[in-house]
Amino acid sequence: MAKEGVKARELKRQKLVAKFAEKRAALKAAGDYEALDKLPKNASPVRLHNRCKLTGRPRGFMRTFGISRVTFRDMALAGKIPGVKKASW
């Protein structure tokens, strides 16, 4: 389980990216790189990192479900994810 501060920091970055998205796009289209440098560093979408919504785990993220592989497996075996069942052949 990730620390609450790490999850909060990532959420803060997501909000900052959304806030400056239009401004960044306009500055990039105009080629004004000096103004881009003056924007906050965390306003860049490159600094975002996918994390599990439940545990905050940074690795093994499944984009389709928004959770880590470990959490996905636990929830799938418990029947908490509709339409997902264990494969056997």
PDB file of N, CA and C in Angstrom:
ATOM      1  N   MET A   1       0.852  -1.177   0.000  1.00  0.00           N
ATOM      2  CA  MET A   1       0.000   0.000   0.000  1.00  0.00           C
ATOM      3  C   MET A   1       0.895   1.235   0.000  1.00  0.00           C
ATOM      4  N   ALA A   2       0.655   2.107  -0.945  1.00  0.00           N
ATOM      5  CA  ALA A   2       1.445   3.328  -1.035  1.00  0.00           C
ATOM      6  C   ALA A   2       1.041   4.304   0.068  1.00  0.00           C
ATOM      7  N   LYS A   3       1.962   5.160   0.411  1.00  0.00           N
ATOM      8  CA  LYS A   3       1.664   6.181   1.416  1.00  0.00           C
ATOM      9  C   LYS A   3       0.608   7.137   0.877  1.00  0.00           C
ATOM     10  N   GLU A   4      -0.184   7.673   1.786  1.00  0.00           N
ATOM     11  CA  GLU A   4      -1.257   8.593   1.392  1.00  0.00           C
ATOM     12  C   GLU A   4      -0.693   9.846   0.724  1.00  0.00           C
ATOM     13  N   GLY A   5       0.484  10.288   1.158  1.00  0.00           N
ATOM     14  CA  GLY A   5       1.098  11.477   0.580  1.00  0.00           C
ATOM     15  C   GLY A   5       1.476  11.280  -0.873  1.00  0.00           C
ATOM     16  N   VAL A   6       1.921  10.061  -1.211  1.00  0.00           N
ATOM     17  CA  VAL A   6       2.302   9.759  -2.589  1.00  0.00           C
ATOM     18  C   VAL A   6       1.063   9.770  -3.487  1.00  0.00           C
ATOM     19  N   LYS A   7      -0.023   9.185  -2.978  1.00  0.00           N
ATOM     20  CA  LYS A   7      -1.270   9.181  -3.763  1.00  0.00           C
ATOM     21  C   LYS A   7      -1.806  10.597  -3.915  1.00  0.00           C
ATOM     22  N   ALA A   8      -1.700  11.396  -2.862  1.00  0.00           N
ATOM     23  CA  ALA A   8      -2.180  12.783  -2.914  1.00  0.00           C
ATOM     24  C   ALA A   8      -1.345  13.608  -3.893  1.00  0.00           C
ATOM     25  N   ARG A   9      -0.046  13.368  -3.919  1.00  0.00           N
ATOM     26  CA  ARG A   9       0.845  14.096  -4.839  1.00  0.00           C
ATOM     27  C   ARG A   9       0.481  13.791  -6.286  1.00  0.00           C
ATOM     28  N   GLU A  10       0.194  12.531  -6.559  1.00  0.00           N
ATOM     29  CA  GLU A  10      -0.179  12.145  -7.921  1.00  0.00           C
ATOM     30  C   GLU A  10      -1.512  12.769  -8.323  1.00  0.00           C
ATOM     31  N   LEU A  11      -2.447  12.830  -7.402  1.00  0.00           N
ATOM     32  CA  LEU A  11      -3.745  13.464  -7.668  1.00  0.00           C
ATOM     33  C   LEU A  11      -3.580  14.959  -7.931  1.00  0.00           C
ATOM     34  N   LYS A  12      -2.685  15.588  -7.176  1.00  0.00           N
ATOM     35  CA  LYS A  12      -2.400  17.010  -7.361  1.00  0.00           C
ATOM     36  C   LYS A  12      -1.814  17.262  -8.752  1.00  0.00           C
ATOM     37  N   ARG A  13      -0.921  16.363  -9.198  1.00  0.00           N
ATOM     38  CA  ARG A  13      -0.342  16.494 -10.530  1.00  0.00           C
ATOM     39  C   ARG A  13      -1.411  16.365 -11.602  1.00  0.00           C
ATOM     40  N   GLN A  14      -2.343  15.426 -11.418  1.00  0.00           N
ATOM     41  CA  GLN A  14      -3.403  15.242 -12.409  1.00  0.00           C
ATOM     42  C   GLN A  14      -4.255  16.501 -12.544  1.00  0.00           C
ATOM     43  N   LYS A  15      -4.569  17.126 -11.413  1.00  0.00           N
ATOM     44  CA  LYS A  15      -5.357  18.355 -11.446  1.00  0.00           C
ATOM     45  C   LYS A  15      -4.588  19.483 -12.134  1.00  0.00           C
ATOM     46  N   LEU A  16      -3.282  19.579 -11.864  1.00  0.00           N
ATOM     47  CA  LEU A  16      -2.455  20.629 -12.459  1.00  0.00           C
ATOM     48  C   LEU A  16      -2.334  20.438 -13.965  1.00  0.00           C
ATOM     49  N   VAL A  17      -2.190  19.199 -14.415  1.00  0.00           N
ATOM     50  CA  VAL A  17      -2.112  18.909 -15.849  1.00  0.00           C
ATOM     51  C   VAL A  17      -3.410  19.317 -16.532  1.00  0.00           C
ATOM     52  N   ALA A  18      -4.537  18.990 -15.911  1.00  0.00           N
ATOM     53  CA  ALA A  18      -5.836  19.351 -16.501  1.00  0.00           C
ATOM     54  C   ALA A  18      -6.022  20.864 -16.551  1.00  0.00           C
ATOM     55  N   LYS A  19      -5.546  21.551 -15.519  1.00  0.00           N
ATOM     56  CA  LYS A  19      -5.707  23.000 -15.434  1.00  0.00           C
ATOM     57  C   LYS A  19      -4.935  23.722 -16.540  1.00  0.00           C
ATOM     58  N   PHE A  20      -3.709  23.262 -16.819  1.00  0.00           N
ATOM     59  CA  PHE A  20      -2.843  23.946 -17.775  1.00  0.00           C
ATOM     60  C   PHE A  20      -2.843  23.310 -19.170  1.00  0.00           C
ATOM     61  N   ALA A  21      -3.710  22.350 -19.437  1.00  0.00           N
ATOM     62  CA  ALA A  21      -3.688  21.632 -20.714  1.00  0.00           C
ATOM     63  C   ALA A  21      -3.910  22.557 -21.901  1.00  0.00           C
ATOM     64  N   GLU A  22      -4.926  23.402 -21.833  1.00  0.00           N
ATOM     65  CA  GLU A  22      -5.220  24.301 -22.959  1.00  0.00           C
ATOM     66  C   GLU A  22      -4.107  25.318 -23.166  1.00  0.00           C
ATOM     67  N   LYS A  23      -3.599  25.853 -22.058  1.00  0.00           N
ATOM     68  CA  LYS A  23      -2.535  26.864 -22.146  1.00  0.00           C
ATOM     69  C   LYS A  23      -1.267  26.264 -22.741  1.00  0.00           C
ATOM     70  N   ARG A  24      -0.933  25.037 -22.308  1.00  0.00           N
ATOM     71  CA  ARG A  24       0.249  24.356 -22.843  1.00  0.00           C
ATOM     72  C   ARG A  24       0.106  24.113 -24.342  1.00  0.00           C
ATOM     73  N   ALA A  25      -1.074  23.670 -24.751  1.00  0.00           N
ATOM     74  CA  ALA A  25      -1.308  23.391 -26.171  1.00  0.00           C
ATOM     75  C   ALA A  25      -1.174  24.660 -27.006  1.00  0.00           C
ATOM     76  N   ALA A  26      -1.707  25.769 -26.493  1.00  0.00           N
ATOM     77  CA  ALA A  26      -1.626  27.039 -27.231  1.00  0.00           C
ATOM     78  C   ALA A  26      -0.180  27.522 -27.333  1.00  0.00           C
ATOM     79  N   LEU A  27       0.562  27.407 -26.247  1.00  0.00           N
ATOM     80  CA  LEU A  27       1.963  27.854 -26.253  1.00  0.00           C
ATOM     81  C   LEU A  27       2.816  26.983 -27.164  1.00  0.00           C
ATOM     82  N   LYS A  28       2.544  25.674 -27.164  1.00  0.00           N
ATOM     83  CA  LYS A  28       3.304  24.779 -28.046  1.00  0.00           C
ATOM     84  C   LYS A  28       3.001  25.069 -29.507  1.00  0.00           C
ATOM     85  N   ALA A  29       1.729  25.349 -29.806  1.00  0.00           N
ATOM     86  CA  ALA A  29       1.344  25.653 -31.188  1.00  0.00           C
ATOM     87  C   ALA A  29       1.996  26.954 -31.656  1.00  0.00           C
ATOM     88  N   ALA A  30       2.120  27.916 -30.735  1.00  0.00           N
ATOM     89  CA  ALA A  30       2.742  29.197 -31.080  1.00  0.00           C
ATOM     90  C   ALA A  30       4.257  29.116 -31.094  1.00  0.00           C
ATOM     91  N   GLY A  31       4.815  28.061 -30.503  1.00  0.00           N
ATOM     92  CA  GLY A  31       6.271  27.911 -30.453  1.00  0.00           C
ATOM     93  C   GLY A  31       6.922  28.784 -29.400  1.00  0.00           C
ATOM     94  N   ASP A  32       6.168  29.189 -28.402  1.00  0.00           N
ATOM     95  CA  ASP A  32       6.675  30.059 -27.333  1.00  0.00           C
ATOM     96  C   ASP A  32       7.240  29.207 -26.196  1.00  0.00           C
ATOM     97  N   TYR A  33       8.487  28.765 -26.371  1.00  0.00           N
ATOM     98  CA  TYR A  33       9.096  27.843 -25.403  1.00  0.00           C
ATOM     99  C   TYR A  33       9.560  28.548 -24.131  1.00  0.00           C
ATOM    100  N   GLU A  34       9.791  29.835 -24.198  1.00  0.00           N
ATOM    101  CA  GLU A  34      10.157  30.576 -22.984  1.00  0.00           C
ATOM    102  C   GLU A  34       8.974  30.613 -22.010  1.00  0.00           C
ATOM    103  N   ALA A  35       7.783  30.823 -22.545  1.00  0.00           N
ATOM    104  CA  ALA A  35       6.582  30.845 -21.703  1.00  0.00           C
ATOM    105  C   ALA A  35       6.272  29.445 -21.166  1.00  0.00           C
ATOM    106  N   LEU A  36       6.564  28.425 -21.968  1.00  0.00           N
ATOM    107  CA  LEU A  36       6.363  27.048 -21.505  1.00  0.00           C
ATOM    108  C   LEU A  36       7.264  26.732 -20.317  1.00  0.00           C
ATOM    109  N   ASP A  37       8.482  27.266 -20.346  1.00  0.00           N
ATOM    110  CA  ASP A  37       9.414  27.040 -19.244  1.00  0.00           C
ATOM    111  C   ASP A  37       8.926  27.654 -17.940  1.00  0.00           C
ATOM    112  N   LYS A  38       8.110  28.695 -18.047  1.00  0.00           N
ATOM    113  CA  LYS A  38       7.639  29.388 -16.840  1.00  0.00           C
ATOM    114  C   LYS A  38       6.442  28.699 -16.186  1.00  0.00           C
ATOM    115  N   LEU A  39       5.822  27.751 -16.905  1.00  0.00           N
ATOM    116  CA  LEU A  39       4.717  26.998 -16.309  1.00  0.00           C
ATOM    117  C   LEU A  39       5.273  26.042 -15.246  1.00  0.00           C
ATOM    118  N   PRO A  40       4.447  25.613 -14.298  1.00  0.00           N
ATOM    119  CA  PRO A  40       4.935  24.668 -13.288  1.00  0.00           C
ATOM    120  C   PRO A  40       5.387  23.353 -13.922  1.00  0.00           C
ATOM    121  N   LYS A  41       6.425  22.764 -13.356  1.00  0.00           N
ATOM    122  CA  LYS A  41       6.945  21.507 -13.899  1.00  0.00           C
ATOM    123  C   LYS A  41       5.897  20.397 -13.846  1.00  0.00           C
ATOM    124  N   ASN A  42       5.109  20.387 -12.779  1.00  0.00           N
ATOM    125  CA  ASN A  42       4.111  19.332 -12.634  1.00  0.00           C
ATOM    126  C   ASN A  42       2.914  19.520 -13.559  1.00  0.00           C
ATOM    127  N   ALA A  43       2.898  20.582 -14.357  1.00  0.00           N
ATOM    128  CA  ALA A  43       1.818  20.799 -15.315  1.00  0.00           C
ATOM    129  C   ALA A  43       2.055  20.009 -16.603  1.00  0.00           C
ATOM    130  N   SER A  44       3.212  19.377 -16.710  1.00  0.00           N
ATOM    131  CA  SER A  44       3.528  18.586 -17.882  1.00  0.00           C
ATOM    132  C   SER A  44       2.948  17.183 -17.747  1.00  0.00           C
ATOM    133  N   PRO A  45       2.235  16.693 -18.762  1.00  0.00           N
ATOM    134  CA  PRO A  45       1.636  15.360 -18.666  1.00  0.00           C
ATOM    135  C   PRO A  45       2.663  14.231 -18.588  1.00  0.00           C
ATOM    136  N   VAL A  46       3.895  14.510 -18.956  1.00  0.00           N
ATOM    137  CA  VAL A  46       4.940  13.492 -18.902  1.00  0.00           C
ATOM    138  C   VAL A  46       5.246  13.091 -17.460  1.00  0.00           C
ATOM    139  N   ARG A  47       4.995  13.977 -16.530  1.00  0.00           N
ATOM    140  CA  ARG A  47       5.308  13.709 -15.124  1.00  0.00           C
ATOM    141  C   ARG A  47       4.258  12.845 -14.420  1.00  0.00           C
ATOM    142  N   LEU A  48       3.146  12.573 -15.100  1.00  0.00           N
ATOM    143  CA  LEU A  48       2.114  11.714 -14.517  1.00  0.00           C
ATOM    144  C   LEU A  48       2.569  10.258 -14.552  1.00  0.00           C
ATOM    145  N   HIS A  49       2.143   9.502 -13.564  1.00  0.00           N
ATOM    146  CA  HIS A  49       2.450   8.080 -13.516  1.00  0.00           C
ATOM    147  C   HIS A  49       1.184   7.345 -13.104  1.00  0.00           C
ATOM    148  N   ASN A  50       0.829   6.321 -13.860  1.00  0.00           N
ATOM    149  CA  ASN A  50      -0.379   5.560 -13.540  1.00  0.00           C
ATOM    150  C   ASN A  50      -0.207   4.815 -12.227  1.00  0.00           C
ATOM    151  N   ARG A  51      -1.201   4.929 -11.355  1.00  0.00           N
ATOM    152  CA  ARG A  51      -1.185   4.230 -10.072  1.00  0.00           C
ATOM    153  C   ARG A  51      -2.527   3.554  -9.858  1.00  0.00           C
ATOM    154  N   CYS A  52      -2.496   2.466  -9.096  1.00  0.00           N
ATOM    155  CA  CYS A  52      -3.715   1.748  -8.740  1.00  0.00           C
ATOM    156  C   CYS A  52      -4.623   2.678  -7.939  1.00  0.00           C
ATOM    157  N   LYS A  53      -5.913   2.704  -8.294  1.00  0.00           N
ATOM    158  CA  LYS A  53      -6.857   3.587  -7.606  1.00  0.00           C
ATOM    159  C   LYS A  53      -7.083   3.165  -6.160  1.00  0.00           C
ATOM    160  N   LEU A  54      -6.939   1.881  -5.868  1.00  0.00           N
ATOM    161  CA  LEU A  54      -7.221   1.379  -4.528  1.00  0.00           C
ATOM    162  C   LEU A  54      -5.992   1.367  -3.620  1.00  0.00           C
ATOM    163  N   THR A  55      -4.869   0.863  -4.156  1.00  0.00           N
ATOM    164  CA  THR A  55      -3.687   0.698  -3.306  1.00  0.00           C
ATOM    165  C   THR A  55      -2.600   1.726  -3.560  1.00  0.00           C
ATOM    166  N   GLY A  56      -2.593   2.338  -4.750  1.00  0.00           N
ATOM    167  CA  GLY A  56      -1.561   3.305  -5.085  1.00  0.00           C
ATOM    168  C   GLY A  56      -0.307   2.664  -5.656  1.00  0.00           C
ATOM    169  N   ARG A  57      -0.365   1.352  -5.933  1.00  0.00           N
ATOM    170  CA  ARG A  57       0.799   0.649  -6.468  1.00  0.00           C
ATOM    171  C   ARG A  57       1.167   1.202  -7.845  1.00  0.00           C
ATOM    172  N   PRO A  58       2.456   1.565  -8.055  1.00  0.00           N
ATOM    173  CA  PRO A  58       2.847   2.176  -9.325  1.00  0.00           C
ATOM    174  C   PRO A  58       3.150   1.177 -10.437  1.00  0.00           C
ATOM    175  N   ARG A  59       3.437  -0.060 -10.097  1.00  0.00           N
ATOM    176  CA  ARG A  59       3.805  -1.047 -11.113  1.00  0.00           C
ATOM    177  C   ARG A  59       2.665  -2.028 -11.355  1.00  0.00           C
ATOM    178  N   GLY A  60       2.679  -2.641 -12.519  1.00  0.00           N
ATOM    179  CA  GLY A  60       1.667  -3.632 -12.851  1.00  0.00           C
ATOM    180  C   GLY A  60       0.283  -3.030 -12.996  1.00  0.00           C
ATOM    181  N   PHE A  61       0.205  -1.831 -13.547  1.00  0.00           N
ATOM    182  CA  PHE A  61      -1.063  -1.109 -13.684  1.00  0.00           C
ATOM    183  C   PHE A  61      -1.814  -1.617 -14.909  1.00  0.00           C
ATOM    184  N   MET A  62      -3.086  -1.956 -14.735  1.00  0.00           N
ATOM    185  CA  MET A  62      -3.932  -2.383 -15.851  1.00  0.00           C
ATOM    186  C   MET A  62      -4.831  -1.209 -16.232  1.00  0.00           C
ATOM    187  N   ARG A  63      -4.533  -0.612 -17.363  1.00  0.00           N
ATOM    188  CA  ARG A  63      -5.201   0.613 -17.776  1.00  0.00           C
ATOM    189  C   ARG A  63      -6.711   0.432 -17.970  1.00  0.00           C
ATOM    190  N   THR A  64      -7.116  -0.727 -18.446  1.00  0.00           N
ATOM    191  CA  THR A  64      -8.530  -0.983 -18.702  1.00  0.00           C
ATOM    192  C   THR A  64      -9.372  -0.861 -17.436  1.00  0.00           C
ATOM    193  N   PHE A  65      -8.823  -1.326 -16.313  1.00  0.00           N
ATOM    194  CA  PHE A  65      -9.566  -1.347 -15.063  1.00  0.00           C
ATOM    195  C   PHE A  65      -9.135  -0.257 -14.089  1.00  0.00           C
ATOM    196  N   GLY A  66      -7.958   0.311 -14.289  1.00  0.00           N
ATOM    197  CA  GLY A  66      -7.479   1.372 -13.408  1.00  0.00           C
ATOM    198  C   GLY A  66      -6.924   0.871 -12.087  1.00  0.00           C
ATOM    199  N   ILE A  67      -6.605  -0.422 -12.033  1.00  0.00           N
ATOM    200  CA  ILE A  67      -6.058  -1.005 -10.805  1.00  0.00           C
ATOM    201  C   ILE A  67      -4.828  -1.843 -11.148  1.00  0.00           C
ATOM    202  N   SER A  68      -4.072  -2.215 -10.106  1.00  0.00           N
ATOM    203  CA  SER A  68      -2.873  -3.015 -10.324  1.00  0.00           C
ATOM    204  C   SER A  68      -3.242  -4.469 -10.567  1.00  0.00           C
ATOM    205  N   ARG A  69      -2.294  -5.227 -11.074  1.00  0.00           N
ATOM    206  CA  ARG A  69      -2.536  -6.636 -11.395  1.00  0.00           C
ATOM    207  C   ARG A  69      -2.851  -7.449 -10.155  1.00  0.00           C
ATOM    208  N   VAL A  70      -2.223  -7.091  -9.022  1.00  0.00           N
ATOM    209  CA  VAL A  70      -2.449  -7.812  -7.774  1.00  0.00           C
ATOM    210  C   VAL A  70      -3.877  -7.589  -7.281  1.00  0.00           C
ATOM    211  N   THR A  71      -4.302  -6.328  -7.280  1.00  0.00           N
ATOM    212  CA  THR A  71      -5.660  -5.993  -6.865  1.00  0.00           C
ATOM    213  C   THR A  71      -6.678  -6.594  -7.826  1.00  0.00           C
ATOM    214  N   PHE A  72      -6.353  -6.567  -9.122  1.00  0.00           N
ATOM    215  CA  PHE A  72      -7.248  -7.145 -10.127  1.00  0.00           C
ATOM    216  C   PHE A  72      -7.458  -8.628  -9.866  1.00  0.00           C
ATOM    217  N   ARG A  73      -6.383  -9.337  -9.586  1.00  0.00           N
ATOM    218  CA  ARG A  73      -6.489 -10.784  -9.359  1.00  0.00           C
ATOM    219  C   ARG A  73      -7.332 -11.088  -8.131  1.00  0.00           C
ATOM    220  N   ASP A  74      -7.087 -10.341  -7.053  1.00  0.00           N
ATOM    221  CA  ASP A  74      -7.873 -10.545  -5.832  1.00  0.00           C
ATOM    222  C   ASP A  74      -9.361 -10.287  -6.071  1.00  0.00           C
ATOM    223  N   MET A  75      -9.650  -9.197  -6.758  1.00  0.00           N
ATOM    224  CA  MET A  75     -11.049  -8.841  -7.000  1.00  0.00           C
ATOM    225  C   MET A  75     -11.716  -9.809  -7.982  1.00  0.00           C
ATOM    226  N   ALA A  76     -10.964 -10.253  -9.000  1.00  0.00           N
ATOM    227  CA  ALA A  76     -11.524 -11.176  -9.983  1.00  0.00           C
ATOM    228  C   ALA A  76     -11.835 -12.523  -9.341  1.00  0.00           C
ATOM    229  N   LEU A  77     -10.955 -13.013  -8.501  1.00  0.00           N
ATOM    230  CA  LEU A  77     -11.188 -14.296  -7.833  1.00  0.00           C
ATOM    231  C   LEU A  77     -12.343 -14.207  -6.840  1.00  0.00           C
ATOM    232  N   ALA A  78     -12.550 -13.025  -6.264  1.00  0.00           N
ATOM    233  CA  ALA A  78     -13.660 -12.829  -5.333  1.00  0.00           C
ATOM    234  C   ALA A  78     -14.975 -12.551  -6.064  1.00  0.00           C
ATOM    235  N   GLY A  79     -14.919 -12.399  -7.397  1.00  0.00           N
ATOM    236  CA  GLY A  79     -16.123 -12.153  -8.182  1.00  0.00           C
ATOM    237  C   GLY A  79     -16.611 -10.724  -8.119  1.00  0.00           C
ATOM    238  N   LYS A  80     -15.724  -9.791  -7.831  1.00  0.00           N
ATOM    239  CA  LYS A  80     -16.127  -8.387  -7.696  1.00  0.00           C
ATOM    240  C   LYS A  80     -16.030  -7.598  -8.999  1.00  0.00           C
ATOM    241  N   ILE A  81     -15.463  -8.210 -10.045  1.00  0.00           N
ATOM    242  CA  ILE A  81     -15.364  -7.538 -11.341  1.00  0.00           C
ATOM    243  C   ILE A  81     -16.297  -8.274 -12.301  1.00  0.00           C
ATOM    244  N   PRO A  82     -17.361  -7.627 -12.761  1.00  0.00           N
ATOM    245  CA  PRO A  82     -18.321  -8.301 -13.627  1.00  0.00           C
ATOM    246  C   PRO A  82     -17.715  -8.691 -14.975  1.00  0.00           C
ATOM    247  N   GLY A  83     -18.066  -9.884 -15.425  1.00  0.00           N
ATOM    248  CA  GLY A  83     -17.625 -10.344 -16.742  1.00  0.00           C
ATOM    249  C   GLY A  83     -16.236 -10.949 -16.767  1.00  0.00           C
ATOM    250  N   VAL A  84     -15.566 -11.002 -15.633  1.00  0.00           N
ATOM    251  CA  VAL A  84     -14.206 -11.549 -15.583  1.00  0.00           C
ATOM    252  C   VAL A  84     -14.234 -12.862 -14.818  1.00  0.00           C
ATOM    253  N   LYS A  85     -13.704 -13.907 -15.454  1.00  0.00           N
ATOM    254  CA  LYS A  85     -13.592 -15.183 -14.750  1.00  0.00           C
ATOM    255  C   LYS A  85     -12.252 -15.804 -15.075  1.00  0.00           C
ATOM    256  N   LYS A  86     -11.826 -16.697 -14.238  1.00  0.00           N
ATOM    257  CA  LYS A  86     -10.520 -17.344 -14.388  1.00  0.00           C
ATOM    258  C   LYS A  86     -10.570 -18.293 -15.589  1.00  0.00           C
ATOM    259  N   ALA A  87      -9.549 -18.216 -16.398  1.00  0.00           N
ATOM    260  CA  ALA A  87      -9.479 -19.083 -17.571  1.00  0.00           C
ATOM    261  C   ALA A  87      -8.999 -20.468 -17.169  1.00  0.00           C
ATOM    262  N   SER A  88      -9.586 -21.479 -17.774  1.00  0.00           N
ATOM    263  CA  SER A  88      -9.092 -22.845 -17.580  1.00  0.00           C
ATOM    264  C   SER A  88      -9.394 -23.625 -18.846  1.00  0.00           C
ATOM    265  N   TRP A  89      -8.445 -24.451 -19.261  1.00  0.00           N
ATOM    266  CA  TRP A  89      -8.646 -25.227 -20.469  1.00  0.00           C
ATOM    267  C   TRP A  89      -7.948 -26.562 -20.353  1.00  0.00           C
TER     268      TRP A  89
END
